[in-house]
Amino acid sequence: MELKALTYLVVGASFALYIGIAIWSRAHSTSDFYIAGKGVSPVANGMATAADWMSAASFISMAGLIAFLGYDGSVYLMGWTGGYVLLALFLAPYLRKFGKFTVPEFIAERYYSKTARIVAVICLIFISFTYVAGQMRGVGIVFSRFLEVDVTIGLIIGMGVVFIYAVLGGMKGITYTQVAQYCVLIFAYTVPAIFIAIQITGNAIPQLAFGSEITGSGVSLLDKLDDIVTSLGFDQYTSGTKSRIDVFCITLALMAGTAGLPHVIVRFFTVPKVRDARTSAGYALLFIAILYTTAPAVGAMARYNLINTMQPGEIGAVDGNLLYADRPAWFDTWQQTGLVQFEDKNGDGRIQYYNDANAEFAETAKAYGWQGNELSVDRDIMVLANPEIAGLPTWVIALVAAGGIAAALSTAAGLLLVISAAVSHDLIKGIFLPDISEKKELLAGRIAAAFAIMVAGYLGFDPPGWVAQVVAFAFGLAAASLFPVILLGIFFKRANKQGAIAGMLTGLFFTYGYIEYFKGLFLKWAGSPWGENVTEHWLFGISPEGIGVVGMVLNFFVIVAVSYMTPAPPERIQHLVEDIRVPRSL
């Protein structure tokens, strides 16, 4: 069976499975819609949490970033994994004991303020829509390549599937759908990795293949990759180029952002008991580790295979490049998507892939008629294109397509439900219409979810960066706005409503303003005023991906300072904080 037909079959079967689960587990009450009736087992919740958290950024983009950034890409591994541990230890059990549906509801009661609740909803919507833009880009990439439809059509199809199981099933439907999506995405990620690991090193375990020797060469994969990329003028793969402060800030922003993400936090409300929240966190970390320990090997092997298919002659020799007429089949198919581009700058018909930024190398290359790098590869395609580059069977390629869609849709559904709950439960029920019936609240939630899906689809057309980069912005916003107010709400009795409101607004506006200034719509309209030296204009040398740490520090400082300058919280609130931290048996 040809690839297109097989892909339609595999992806269509997965969609039928998701929709079938949504119909079987459709929500009948607001409790079902928001928190799955608190009836999800720890193992199932662990799988659903892993799928919810491992978005298109983890499946599609993270290994691509590692493939091109090398050592510098490890910040995403450290930040996202460490952040989940932070969430599991310091936030999830306490929030589950508190027992409310949403993060804004916790903030409203802890800080005894409807205004604080509204500000939390605003922060949540900013974070969620930024995050979901990256997921929809991932959906568009998969559909445009594997199903050979326009990105617009792909986004509409993806939106339609999410609409059915998010609006119909609510959290109950999403939870069990995410269990299925986890199985699909983890199988789709590890199977190609095993195939390619065997091809390159003869070792079937990708985590071990990462440090193994290339078959028949006597040279390790990483040493060979270092030799290849430096011979092409690129930085050494196993050494970093980012400044220490930027690495630290990106890692910490991803960690704190993970702990402040509302669509992950809400998962711990779906289990019956506080102990189950801790148990499901452990299961989720185990399920996440399967993909995250595989990603470095996938990134390294993808970069190795990419260069070998582009440079069939002696690696690094300027006159040993691939003739465009002899390009591999995968190159032609991905070039049609616009995510791989070739520009023959010197008219010799060869694909010359070298680093323009290396002035010393460029002088040598120009002696052979080289006039600049001619190959452009979008980082988000590396995991998706890797099986084709390696020449794997068509069923493996189709499986990867289904996995990429599952990763994007699972997280998109969780984010959209959080937005829906924020509108229907926190704004309509909590602020404007407190006496609304459960039936009308459920209807409002479904309408809000439908509207959020349409906005998410729109954002997917033109996100402000790569999938993982856009997601990093969302984590920075979460770290700067919600994480400090939640953490201090649990561990700092003196924090009051004035401090919480001021802190959230300070962190959100500072971080969003910085990201907008360096990455936002203004630059798309007016162009960059800094040229190629944008890094020289970063505050303290911190990139937009890591600036959430500065916003977080400002948030903490403002909450503490304002809280001490204004009246202390009521005594009942201070007792509430103590009660959240004390086990029920005591």
Protein backbone atom coordinates (compact mmCIF):
# COMPACT_ATOMS: atom_id res chain seq x y z
CA MET A 1 0.00 0.00 0.00
CA GLU A 2 1.40 3.43 -0.91
CA LEU A 3 2.30 5.88 1.85
CA LYS A 4 -0.56 8.33 1.33
CA ALA A 5 -3.27 5.65 1.48
CA LEU A 6 -1.64 3.94 4.45
CA THR A 7 -1.33 7.25 6.29
CA TYR A 8 -5.01 8.03 5.69
CA LEU A 9 -5.87 4.58 7.04
CA VAL A 10 -3.72 4.86 10.20
CA VAL A 11 -4.66 8.46 10.99
CA GLY A 12 -8.33 7.82 10.19
CA ALA A 13 -8.38 4.78 12.49
CA SER A 14 -6.85 6.82 15.32
CA PHE A 15 -9.45 9.57 14.80
CA ALA A 16 -12.25 7.00 14.89
CA LEU A 17 -10.81 5.64 18.15
CA TYR A 18 -10.69 9.11 19.75
CA ILE A 19 -14.23 9.98 18.71
CA GLY A 20 -15.52 6.58 19.82
CA ILE A 21 -13.99 7.05 23.27
CA ALA A 22 -15.52 10.54 23.50
CA ILE A 23 -18.98 9.20 22.71
CA TRP A 24 -18.57 6.36 25.22
CA SER A 25 -17.36 8.69 27.99
CA ARG A 26 -19.40 11.82 27.23
CA ALA A 27 -19.94 14.24 30.09
CA HIS A 28 -23.35 14.39 31.77
CA SER A 29 -22.53 16.91 34.53
CA THR A 30 -20.21 19.82 35.21
CA SER A 31 -18.12 17.51 37.40
CA ASP A 32 -17.66 15.16 34.42
CA PHE A 33 -16.93 18.09 32.12
CA TYR A 34 -14.36 19.83 34.34
CA ILE A 35 -12.64 17.04 36.33
CA ALA A 36 -13.97 13.71 34.96
CA GLY A 37 -16.06 13.18 38.09
CA LYS A 38 -12.87 12.61 40.16
CA GLY A 39 -13.05 8.97 39.14
CA VAL A 40 -9.89 8.40 37.09
CA SER A 41 -7.43 5.74 38.32
CA PRO A 42 -3.83 6.85 39.04
CA VAL A 43 -2.37 4.77 36.16
CA ALA A 44 -4.87 6.12 33.61
CA ASN A 45 -4.38 9.64 34.95
CA GLY A 46 -0.61 9.20 34.70
CA MET A 47 -0.90 8.26 31.02
CA ALA A 48 -3.36 11.09 30.36
CA THR A 49 -1.09 13.57 32.15
CA ALA A 50 1.88 12.40 30.09
CA ALA A 51 -0.09 12.85 26.85
CA ASP A 52 -1.43 16.21 28.01
CA TRP A 53 2.03 17.44 28.91
CA MET A 54 4.02 15.89 26.02
CA SER A 55 2.69 18.15 23.33
CA ALA A 56 3.74 18.67 19.74
CA ALA A 57 6.75 20.46 21.22
CA SER A 58 7.93 17.21 22.84
CA PHE A 59 7.03 14.88 19.97
CA ILE A 60 7.75 17.01 16.91
CA SER A 61 10.03 19.85 17.87
CA MET A 62 12.24 18.95 20.82
CA ALA A 63 14.39 16.37 19.03
CA GLY A 64 14.58 18.77 16.08
CA LEU A 65 15.97 21.46 18.34
CA ILE A 66 18.46 18.98 19.81
CA ALA A 67 19.42 17.90 16.27
CA PHE A 68 20.42 21.46 15.33
CA LEU A 69 21.40 22.96 18.70
CA GLY A 70 23.18 19.90 20.04
CA TYR A 71 24.23 20.42 23.66
CA ASP A 72 22.27 23.69 23.88
CA GLY A 73 19.05 21.79 23.16
CA SER A 74 19.42 19.96 26.47
CA VAL A 75 17.85 22.93 28.26
CA TYR A 76 14.45 21.76 27.04
CA LEU A 77 15.01 18.28 28.45
CA MET A 78 16.21 19.58 31.80
CA GLY A 79 13.61 22.29 32.14
CA TRP A 80 10.51 20.32 31.22
CA THR A 81 11.49 17.20 33.17
CA GLY A 82 12.64 19.11 36.25
CA GLY A 83 9.50 21.21 36.14
CA TYR A 84 7.31 18.17 36.31
CA VAL A 85 9.12 17.01 39.45
CA LEU A 86 8.62 20.48 40.92
CA LEU A 87 4.90 20.31 40.13
CA ALA A 88 4.50 16.80 41.56
CA LEU A 89 6.26 17.61 44.85
CA PHE A 90 5.27 21.17 45.67
CA LEU A 91 1.95 21.96 44.02
CA ALA A 92 -0.18 19.05 42.82
CA PRO A 93 -0.97 17.29 46.15
CA TYR A 94 -1.82 20.54 47.93
CA LEU A 95 -4.06 21.81 45.14
CA ARG A 96 -5.79 18.44 45.00
CA LYS A 97 -6.40 18.58 48.74
CA PHE A 98 -7.89 22.04 48.31
CA GLY A 99 -10.31 20.33 45.94
CA LYS A 100 -11.58 23.07 43.62
CA PHE A 101 -12.11 22.70 39.87
CA THR A 102 -9.70 25.30 38.51
CA VAL A 103 -6.57 27.29 39.30
CA PRO A 104 -8.44 30.65 39.23
CA GLU A 105 -10.92 29.18 41.73
CA PHE A 106 -8.04 28.32 44.09
CA ILE A 107 -6.62 31.82 43.68
CA ALA A 108 -10.04 33.40 44.27
CA GLU A 109 -10.60 31.58 47.56
CA ARG A 110 -7.02 31.67 48.81
CA TYR A 111 -6.76 35.38 48.12
CA TYR A 112 -10.43 36.08 49.02
CA SER A 113 -10.94 38.21 45.90
CA LYS A 114 -13.04 38.08 42.74
CA THR A 115 -10.60 40.52 41.15
CA ALA A 116 -7.76 38.07 41.74
CA ARG A 117 -9.86 35.40 40.06
CA ILE A 118 -10.42 37.59 36.98
CA VAL A 119 -6.70 38.41 36.75
CA ALA A 120 -5.88 34.69 37.04
CA VAL A 121 -8.31 33.95 34.20
CA ILE A 122 -6.61 36.60 32.04
CA CYS A 123 -3.19 35.05 32.75
CA LEU A 124 -4.54 31.58 32.05
CA ILE A 125 -6.00 32.61 28.69
CA PHE A 126 -2.76 34.32 27.63
CA ILE A 127 -0.76 31.20 28.52
CA SER A 128 -3.16 28.70 26.99
CA PHE A 129 -3.64 30.47 23.67
CA THR A 130 0.12 30.98 23.29
CA TYR A 131 0.65 27.29 24.01
CA VAL A 132 -2.12 26.09 21.71
CA ALA A 133 -0.70 28.09 18.77
CA GLY A 134 2.31 25.75 18.81
CA GLN A 135 0.08 22.67 18.88
CA MET A 136 -1.94 23.80 15.89
CA ARG A 137 1.26 24.51 13.94
CA GLY A 138 2.26 20.90 14.61
CA VAL A 139 -1.11 19.67 13.30
CA GLY A 140 -0.69 21.79 10.16
CA ILE A 141 2.81 20.43 9.47
CA VAL A 142 1.71 16.80 9.78
CA PHE A 143 -1.36 17.23 7.60
CA SER A 144 0.41 19.25 4.91
CA ARG A 145 3.10 16.60 4.44
CA PHE A 146 1.59 13.20 5.11
CA LEU A 147 -2.01 13.73 4.04
CA GLU A 148 -0.92 16.10 1.25
CA VAL A 149 -3.58 18.66 1.98
CA ASP A 150 -3.27 22.40 2.43
CA VAL A 151 -2.31 23.53 5.94
CA THR A 152 -5.66 25.32 6.20
CA ILE A 153 -7.56 22.11 5.47
CA GLY A 154 -5.36 20.20 7.92
CA LEU A 155 -6.07 22.68 10.68
CA ILE A 156 -9.80 22.53 10.03
CA ILE A 157 -9.77 18.71 10.21
CA GLY A 158 -7.77 18.80 13.44
CA MET A 159 -10.11 21.41 14.90
CA GLY A 160 -13.10 19.27 13.98
CA VAL A 161 -11.75 16.19 15.75
CA VAL A 162 -10.86 18.15 18.89
CA PHE A 163 -14.28 19.82 18.79
CA ILE A 164 -16.05 16.47 18.92
CA TYR A 165 -14.22 14.89 21.82
CA ALA A 166 -13.55 18.08 23.84
CA VAL A 167 -17.00 19.61 23.53
CA LEU A 168 -18.89 16.31 23.80
CA GLY A 169 -16.78 14.48 26.36
CA GLY A 170 -15.29 17.32 28.40
CA MET A 171 -12.52 16.28 30.81
CA LYS A 172 -13.95 12.78 31.08
CA GLY A 173 -13.79 12.25 27.33
CA ILE A 174 -10.44 14.00 27.03
CA THR A 175 -8.88 11.90 29.80
CA TYR A 176 -9.61 8.53 28.24
CA THR A 177 -8.86 9.87 24.77
CA GLN A 178 -5.48 11.02 26.05
CA VAL A 179 -4.77 7.52 27.38
CA ALA A 180 -5.23 6.23 23.82
CA GLN A 181 -3.20 9.14 22.43
CA TYR A 182 -0.33 8.39 24.78
CA CYS A 183 -0.19 4.80 23.53
CA VAL A 184 -0.20 6.02 19.92
CA LEU A 185 2.41 8.75 20.37
CA ILE A 186 4.87 6.72 22.46
CA PHE A 187 4.70 3.77 20.06
CA ALA A 188 5.11 6.14 17.11
CA TYR A 189 8.14 7.79 18.72
CA THR A 190 10.05 4.73 19.90
CA VAL A 191 9.54 2.33 16.97
CA PRO A 192 11.36 4.51 14.38
CA ALA A 193 14.04 5.29 16.98
CA ILE A 194 14.67 1.56 17.45
CA PHE A 195 14.84 0.96 13.68
CA ILE A 196 17.31 3.80 13.11
CA ALA A 197 19.42 2.90 16.16
CA ILE A 198 19.86 -0.59 14.73
CA GLN A 199 20.72 0.85 11.29
CA ILE A 200 23.42 3.18 12.59
CA THR A 201 24.91 1.38 15.61
CA GLY A 202 23.47 -2.13 15.66
CA ASN A 203 22.08 -1.42 19.15
CA ALA A 204 18.29 -1.68 19.42
CA ILE A 205 18.00 0.54 22.51
CA PRO A 206 18.13 4.21 21.40
CA GLN A 207 19.32 5.42 24.80
CA LEU A 208 22.35 3.13 24.53
CA ALA A 209 22.83 3.71 20.81
CA PHE A 210 23.29 7.40 21.61
CA GLY A 211 26.68 6.57 23.14
CA SER A 212 27.56 3.60 20.92
CA GLU A 213 29.89 3.26 17.95
CA ILE A 214 28.67 3.51 14.37
CA THR A 215 28.61 0.04 12.88
CA GLY A 216 31.92 -0.91 11.29
CA SER A 217 33.60 2.44 11.93
CA GLY A 218 35.07 2.13 15.41
CA VAL A 219 33.94 5.74 16.03
CA SER A 220 31.13 6.70 18.39
CA LEU A 221 28.03 8.41 17.00
CA LEU A 222 28.67 11.63 18.93
CA ASP A 223 32.36 11.81 17.98
CA LYS A 224 31.47 11.27 14.32
CA LEU A 225 28.75 13.90 14.52
CA ASP A 226 31.19 16.36 16.07
CA ASP A 227 33.62 15.72 13.23
CA ILE A 228 30.92 16.10 10.56
CA VAL A 229 29.33 19.32 11.75
CA THR A 230 32.64 21.08 12.45
CA SER A 231 33.89 20.11 8.97
CA LEU A 232 30.83 21.91 7.57
CA GLY A 233 31.59 25.04 9.57
CA PHE A 234 29.02 24.47 12.33
CA ASP A 235 29.67 24.50 16.08
CA GLN A 236 30.70 21.27 17.76
CA TYR A 237 27.59 19.17 18.48
CA THR A 238 28.58 18.20 22.03
CA SER A 239 29.57 21.70 23.17
CA GLY A 240 27.30 24.64 23.93
CA THR A 241 27.32 28.18 22.57
CA LYS A 242 24.60 29.74 24.74
CA SER A 243 25.66 31.88 27.67
CA ARG A 244 25.38 30.32 31.11
CA ILE A 245 22.84 32.87 32.27
CA ASP A 246 20.59 32.17 29.28
CA VAL A 247 20.84 28.40 29.77
CA PHE A 248 20.02 28.84 33.46
CA CYS A 249 17.08 31.15 32.78
CA ILE A 250 15.55 29.03 30.01
CA THR A 251 15.84 25.90 32.18
CA LEU A 252 14.33 27.59 35.24
CA ALA A 253 11.58 29.25 33.18
CA LEU A 254 10.59 25.88 31.73
CA MET A 255 10.65 24.28 35.19
CA ALA A 256 8.56 26.95 36.91
CA GLY A 257 6.33 27.25 33.85
CA THR A 258 5.61 23.52 33.94
CA ALA A 259 4.58 23.83 37.57
CA GLY A 260 2.32 26.77 36.72
CA LEU A 261 0.59 25.35 33.64
CA PRO A 262 -3.14 25.14 34.37
CA HIS A 263 -3.91 22.32 31.92
CA VAL A 264 -1.39 20.08 33.73
CA ILE A 265 -2.43 21.12 37.23
CA VAL A 266 -6.10 20.35 36.54
CA ARG A 267 -5.22 16.73 35.83
CA PHE A 268 -4.57 16.17 39.54
CA PHE A 269 -8.17 17.08 40.35
CA THR A 270 -9.47 14.11 38.34
CA VAL A 271 -8.36 11.39 40.78
CA PRO A 272 -10.39 10.33 43.85
CA LYS A 273 -7.86 11.08 46.64
CA VAL A 274 -4.78 13.20 47.44
CA ARG A 275 -2.68 10.04 47.63
CA ASP A 276 -3.83 9.17 44.10
CA ALA A 277 -2.60 12.58 42.92
CA ARG A 278 0.91 11.75 44.16
CA THR A 279 0.76 8.25 42.69
CA SER A 280 -0.45 9.44 39.30
CA ALA A 281 2.38 12.02 39.29
CA GLY A 282 4.88 9.18 39.69
CA TYR A 283 3.30 7.18 36.87
CA ALA A 284 3.25 10.24 34.63
CA LEU A 285 6.96 10.86 35.21
CA LEU A 286 7.69 7.25 34.26
CA PHE A 287 5.63 7.51 31.07
CA ILE A 288 7.22 10.86 30.20
CA ALA A 289 10.74 9.48 30.76
CA ILE A 290 10.28 6.92 27.97
CA LEU A 291 10.08 9.69 25.37
CA TYR A 292 12.44 12.16 27.04
CA THR A 293 15.32 9.70 27.37
CA THR A 294 14.84 8.73 23.71
CA ALA A 295 14.78 12.30 22.34
CA PRO A 296 18.58 13.01 22.49
CA ALA A 297 19.27 9.85 20.46
CA VAL A 298 16.55 10.74 17.94
CA GLY A 299 17.99 14.24 17.53
CA ALA A 300 21.56 13.02 17.02
CA MET A 301 20.58 10.27 14.58
CA ALA A 302 18.35 12.65 12.61
CA ARG A 303 21.18 15.16 12.18
CA TYR A 304 23.60 12.40 11.17
CA ASN A 305 21.22 10.98 8.55
CA LEU A 306 20.31 14.44 7.21
CA ILE A 307 23.92 15.36 6.52
CA ASN A 308 24.77 11.97 5.03
CA THR A 309 21.92 12.22 2.52
CA MET A 310 22.91 15.78 1.59
CA GLN A 311 26.69 15.16 1.44
CA PRO A 312 27.32 11.82 -0.31
CA GLY A 313 30.93 12.71 -1.05
CA GLU A 314 33.62 13.33 1.52
CA ILE A 315 31.93 15.18 4.37
CA GLY A 316 33.12 18.77 4.44
CA ALA A 317 34.65 18.77 0.97
CA VAL A 318 33.26 21.79 -0.87
CA ASP A 319 33.32 19.96 -4.21
CA GLY A 320 31.73 16.76 -2.84
CA ASN A 321 28.12 17.89 -2.64
CA LEU A 322 24.97 16.27 -3.93
CA LEU A 323 23.76 17.26 -7.39
CA TYR A 324 20.24 18.66 -7.14
CA ALA A 325 19.12 16.28 -9.89
CA ASP A 326 20.17 13.35 -7.70
CA ARG A 327 18.43 14.55 -4.54
CA PRO A 328 16.83 11.82 -2.37
CA ALA A 329 13.09 11.15 -2.64
CA TRP A 330 12.35 12.47 0.87
CA PHE A 331 13.84 15.82 -0.07
CA ASP A 332 11.45 16.28 -2.99
CA THR A 333 8.34 15.47 -0.94
CA TRP A 334 9.27 17.74 1.97
CA GLN A 335 10.33 20.54 -0.37
CA GLN A 336 6.73 20.70 -1.60
CA THR A 337 5.64 21.70 1.92
CA GLY A 338 8.03 24.67 1.95
CA LEU A 339 9.70 23.37 5.13
CA VAL A 340 12.81 22.30 3.19
CA GLN A 341 14.21 24.80 0.67
CA PHE A 342 17.11 24.83 -1.78
CA GLU A 343 18.51 27.97 -3.39
CA ASP A 344 21.25 27.41 -5.97
CA LYS A 345 23.26 30.56 -5.21
CA ASN A 346 26.22 29.78 -7.48
CA GLY A 347 24.30 28.02 -10.28
CA ASP A 348 26.30 24.78 -10.14
CA GLY A 349 23.29 22.52 -9.55
CA ARG A 350 24.71 21.20 -6.28
CA ILE A 351 23.14 21.33 -2.80
CA GLN A 352 25.84 22.97 -0.69
CA TYR A 353 25.10 22.79 3.03
CA TYR A 354 27.58 24.86 5.04
CA ASN A 355 27.50 27.43 7.81
CA ASP A 356 27.40 31.03 6.60
CA ALA A 357 28.21 32.35 10.08
CA ASN A 358 31.70 30.77 10.14
CA ALA A 359 33.86 33.40 8.45
CA GLU A 360 37.04 31.28 8.48
CA PHE A 361 35.30 28.39 6.73
CA ALA A 362 33.55 30.71 4.28
CA GLU A 363 36.85 32.09 2.97
CA THR A 364 38.07 28.58 2.18
CA ALA A 365 34.76 27.57 0.59
CA LYS A 366 34.64 30.64 -1.67
CA ALA A 367 37.80 29.44 -3.38
CA TYR A 368 35.66 26.60 -4.75
CA GLY A 369 32.92 28.93 -5.98
CA TRP A 370 30.72 28.71 -2.88
CA GLN A 371 28.51 31.77 -2.36
CA GLY A 372 26.60 30.85 0.79
CA ASN A 373 24.61 28.03 2.36
CA GLU A 374 21.96 26.77 -0.06
CA LEU A 375 19.91 24.46 2.13
CA SER A 376 17.25 25.51 4.64
CA VAL A 377 15.62 22.86 6.86
CA ASP A 378 12.80 23.69 9.29
CA ARG A 379 13.68 22.18 12.67
CA ASP A 380 10.13 21.00 13.22
CA ILE A 381 10.35 18.38 10.47
CA MET A 382 13.25 16.36 11.84
CA VAL A 383 11.25 13.78 13.81
CA LEU A 384 8.57 13.54 11.13
CA ALA A 385 11.04 13.27 8.23
CA ASN A 386 13.54 11.03 10.05
CA PRO A 387 11.91 7.71 9.04
CA GLU A 388 11.83 8.79 5.38
CA ILE A 389 15.44 10.01 5.49
CA ALA A 390 16.45 6.64 6.96
CA GLY A 391 14.42 4.71 4.35
CA LEU A 392 12.14 2.96 6.85
CA PRO A 393 8.99 1.04 5.78
CA THR A 394 5.91 3.07 4.87
CA TRP A 395 3.93 1.76 7.85
CA VAL A 396 6.50 3.30 10.22
CA ILE A 397 6.18 6.66 8.42
CA ALA A 398 2.38 6.49 8.69
CA LEU A 399 2.67 5.63 12.38
CA VAL A 400 4.83 8.72 12.98
CA ALA A 401 2.18 10.89 11.31
CA ALA A 402 -0.49 9.49 13.64
CA GLY A 403 1.81 10.02 16.64
CA GLY A 404 2.51 13.63 15.75
CA ILE A 405 -1.18 14.39 15.42
CA ALA A 406 -1.95 12.55 18.68
CA ALA A 407 0.68 14.61 20.55
CA ALA A 408 -0.62 17.91 19.21
CA LEU A 409 -4.32 17.14 19.68
CA SER A 410 -3.96 15.70 23.19
CA THR A 411 -2.40 18.87 24.54
CA ALA A 412 -4.63 21.15 22.47
CA ALA A 413 -7.71 19.45 23.96
CA GLY A 414 -6.44 19.91 27.51
CA LEU A 415 -5.65 23.57 26.90
CA LEU A 416 -9.00 24.26 25.26
CA LEU A 417 -10.86 22.66 28.14
CA VAL A 418 -8.95 24.84 30.62
CA ILE A 419 -9.95 27.92 28.62
CA SER A 420 -13.54 26.68 28.54
CA ALA A 421 -13.59 26.14 32.31
CA ALA A 422 -12.07 29.56 32.89
CA VAL A 423 -14.88 31.20 30.93
CA SER A 424 -17.86 29.11 32.06
CA HIS A 425 -16.89 28.23 35.65
CA ASP A 426 -14.62 31.09 36.75
CA LEU A 427 -16.20 34.02 34.91
CA ILE A 428 -19.84 33.14 34.24
CA LYS A 429 -20.51 30.96 37.31
CA GLY A 430 -17.97 32.52 39.66
CA ILE A 431 -18.42 36.21 38.81
CA PHE A 432 -21.35 37.19 36.62
CA LEU A 433 -24.09 34.56 37.11
CA PRO A 434 -23.46 32.73 40.40
CA ASP A 435 -27.00 31.26 40.41
CA ILE A 436 -26.76 29.71 36.94
CA SER A 437 -28.01 26.11 36.77
CA GLU A 438 -25.62 23.21 36.23
CA LYS A 439 -27.23 22.45 32.86
CA LYS A 440 -26.72 26.01 31.62
CA GLU A 441 -23.18 26.10 32.97
CA LEU A 442 -22.39 22.90 31.07
CA LEU A 443 -23.83 24.46 27.90
CA ALA A 444 -21.77 27.60 28.46
CA GLY A 445 -18.67 25.46 28.87
CA ARG A 446 -19.28 23.70 25.58
CA ILE A 447 -19.90 26.98 23.75
CA ALA A 448 -16.72 28.44 25.24
CA ALA A 449 -14.77 25.34 24.15
CA ALA A 450 -16.12 25.67 20.60
CA PHE A 451 -15.12 29.34 20.45
CA ALA A 452 -11.67 28.55 21.87
CA ILE A 453 -11.14 25.89 19.18
CA MET A 454 -11.84 28.43 16.44
CA VAL A 455 -9.38 30.92 17.95
CA ALA A 456 -6.77 28.15 18.32
CA GLY A 457 -7.14 27.23 14.66
CA TYR A 458 -6.61 30.85 13.66
CA LEU A 459 -3.45 31.09 15.78
CA GLY A 460 -2.12 27.93 14.16
CA PHE A 461 -1.89 29.66 10.79
CA ASP A 462 0.85 32.07 11.83
CA PRO A 463 2.52 31.24 15.16
CA PRO A 464 5.50 33.38 16.24
CA GLY A 465 8.15 30.66 15.92
CA TRP A 466 8.91 26.93 15.93
CA VAL A 467 6.65 24.65 17.91
CA ALA A 468 9.03 24.26 20.86
CA GLN A 469 9.91 27.95 20.77
CA VAL A 470 6.25 29.03 20.94
CA VAL A 471 5.64 26.55 23.75
CA ALA A 472 8.68 27.95 25.61
CA PHE A 473 7.02 31.38 25.47
CA ALA A 474 3.89 29.89 27.08
CA PHE A 475 5.99 28.33 29.84
CA GLY A 476 7.69 31.67 30.45
CA LEU A 477 4.30 33.37 30.80
CA ALA A 478 3.14 30.66 33.24
CA ALA A 479 6.34 30.98 35.29
CA ALA A 480 6.00 34.75 35.48
CA SER A 481 2.29 34.96 36.27
CA LEU A 482 0.68 31.91 37.91
CA PHE A 483 3.55 29.94 39.48
CA PRO A 484 4.55 32.50 42.15
CA VAL A 485 0.99 33.21 43.24
CA ILE A 486 0.19 29.49 43.56
CA LEU A 487 3.43 28.62 45.40
CA LEU A 488 3.14 31.52 47.85
CA GLY A 489 -0.55 30.78 48.23
CA ILE A 490 0.41 27.39 49.67
CA PHE A 491 3.57 28.22 51.64
CA PHE A 492 3.34 31.92 52.59
CA LYS A 493 0.44 32.82 54.88
CA ARG A 494 1.16 36.57 54.75
CA ALA A 495 0.48 36.79 50.97
CA ASN A 496 -2.71 38.77 50.46
CA LYS A 497 -5.03 39.74 47.62
CA GLN A 498 -3.34 43.07 46.88
CA GLY A 499 0.03 41.38 46.53
CA ALA A 500 -1.33 38.54 44.41
CA ILE A 501 -3.08 40.86 41.94
CA ALA A 502 -0.10 43.20 41.63
CA GLY A 503 2.33 40.31 41.28
CA MET A 504 0.38 38.48 38.55
CA LEU A 505 -0.07 41.65 36.49
CA THR A 506 3.59 42.65 36.88
CA GLY A 507 4.92 39.23 35.83
CA LEU A 508 2.47 38.84 32.94
CA PHE A 509 2.91 42.30 31.41
CA PHE A 510 6.69 42.35 31.77
CA THR A 511 7.17 38.90 30.23
CA TYR A 512 4.61 39.34 27.47
CA GLY A 513 6.01 42.79 26.64
CA TYR A 514 9.55 41.42 26.35
CA ILE A 515 8.47 38.52 24.12
CA GLU A 516 6.36 40.86 21.98
CA TYR A 517 9.26 43.30 21.67
CA PHE A 518 11.71 40.69 20.39
CA LYS A 519 9.42 38.10 18.76
CA GLY A 520 5.95 39.56 18.30
CA LEU A 521 3.71 41.08 15.69
CA PHE A 522 5.61 44.36 15.57
CA LEU A 523 8.64 42.65 14.06
CA LYS A 524 6.47 40.91 11.44
CA TRP A 525 5.10 44.28 10.34
CA ALA A 526 8.17 46.51 10.67
CA GLY A 527 11.10 44.07 10.53
CA SER A 528 13.92 43.72 13.06
CA PRO A 529 15.64 47.01 13.96
CA TRP A 530 18.71 45.11 15.25
CA GLY A 531 19.68 43.11 12.16
CA GLU A 532 21.62 39.98 13.09
CA ASN A 533 22.84 41.37 16.43
CA VAL A 534 19.57 40.96 18.32
CA THR A 535 21.30 39.05 21.14
CA GLU A 536 23.27 42.15 22.07
CA HIS A 537 19.99 43.88 22.96
CA TRP A 538 18.64 41.17 25.29
CA LEU A 539 18.27 42.17 28.95
CA PHE A 540 21.25 40.67 30.84
CA GLY A 541 21.81 38.45 27.78
CA ILE A 542 18.56 36.54 28.45
CA SER A 543 16.58 35.34 25.43
CA PRO A 544 12.77 35.67 25.13
CA GLU A 545 12.53 31.94 25.92
CA GLY A 546 14.15 32.52 29.32
CA ILE A 547 12.83 35.95 30.26
CA GLY A 548 10.00 34.39 32.27
CA VAL A 549 12.52 33.95 35.10
CA VAL A 550 12.93 37.72 35.43
CA GLY A 551 9.15 38.11 35.32
CA MET A 552 8.85 35.42 38.00
CA VAL A 553 11.37 37.15 40.28
CA LEU A 554 9.51 40.45 39.83
CA ASN A 555 6.25 38.67 40.66
CA PHE A 556 7.65 37.14 43.85
CA PHE A 557 9.12 40.48 44.92
CA VAL A 558 5.91 42.42 44.25
CA ILE A 559 3.71 39.88 46.08
CA VAL A 560 5.90 39.91 49.19
CA ALA A 561 6.47 43.68 49.19
CA VAL A 562 2.85 44.64 48.59
CA SER A 563 1.59 42.03 51.08
CA TYR A 564 3.72 43.54 53.86
CA MET A 565 2.61 47.07 52.96
CA THR A 566 -1.10 46.18 53.10
CA PRO A 567 -3.31 44.43 55.70
CA ALA A 568 -2.66 40.74 56.44
CA PRO A 569 -5.12 38.14 55.12
CA PRO A 570 -8.10 37.30 57.37
CA GLU A 571 -7.47 34.69 60.04
CA ARG A 572 -9.69 32.14 58.27
CA ILE A 573 -7.46 32.37 55.18
CA GLN A 574 -4.34 31.78 57.26
CA HIS A 575 -5.98 28.71 58.80
CA LEU A 576 -6.93 27.57 55.28
CA VAL A 577 -3.27 27.76 54.21
CA GLU A 578 -2.21 25.70 57.23
CA ASP A 579 -4.93 23.15 56.55
CA ILE A 580 -3.84 22.70 52.91
CA ARG A 581 -0.34 21.68 54.04
CA VAL A 582 -1.31 19.34 56.88
CA PRO A 583 -2.22 15.69 56.04
CA ARG A 584 -5.83 14.82 56.81
CA SER A 585 -4.80 12.04 59.23
CA LEU A 586 -3.22 14.70 61.47
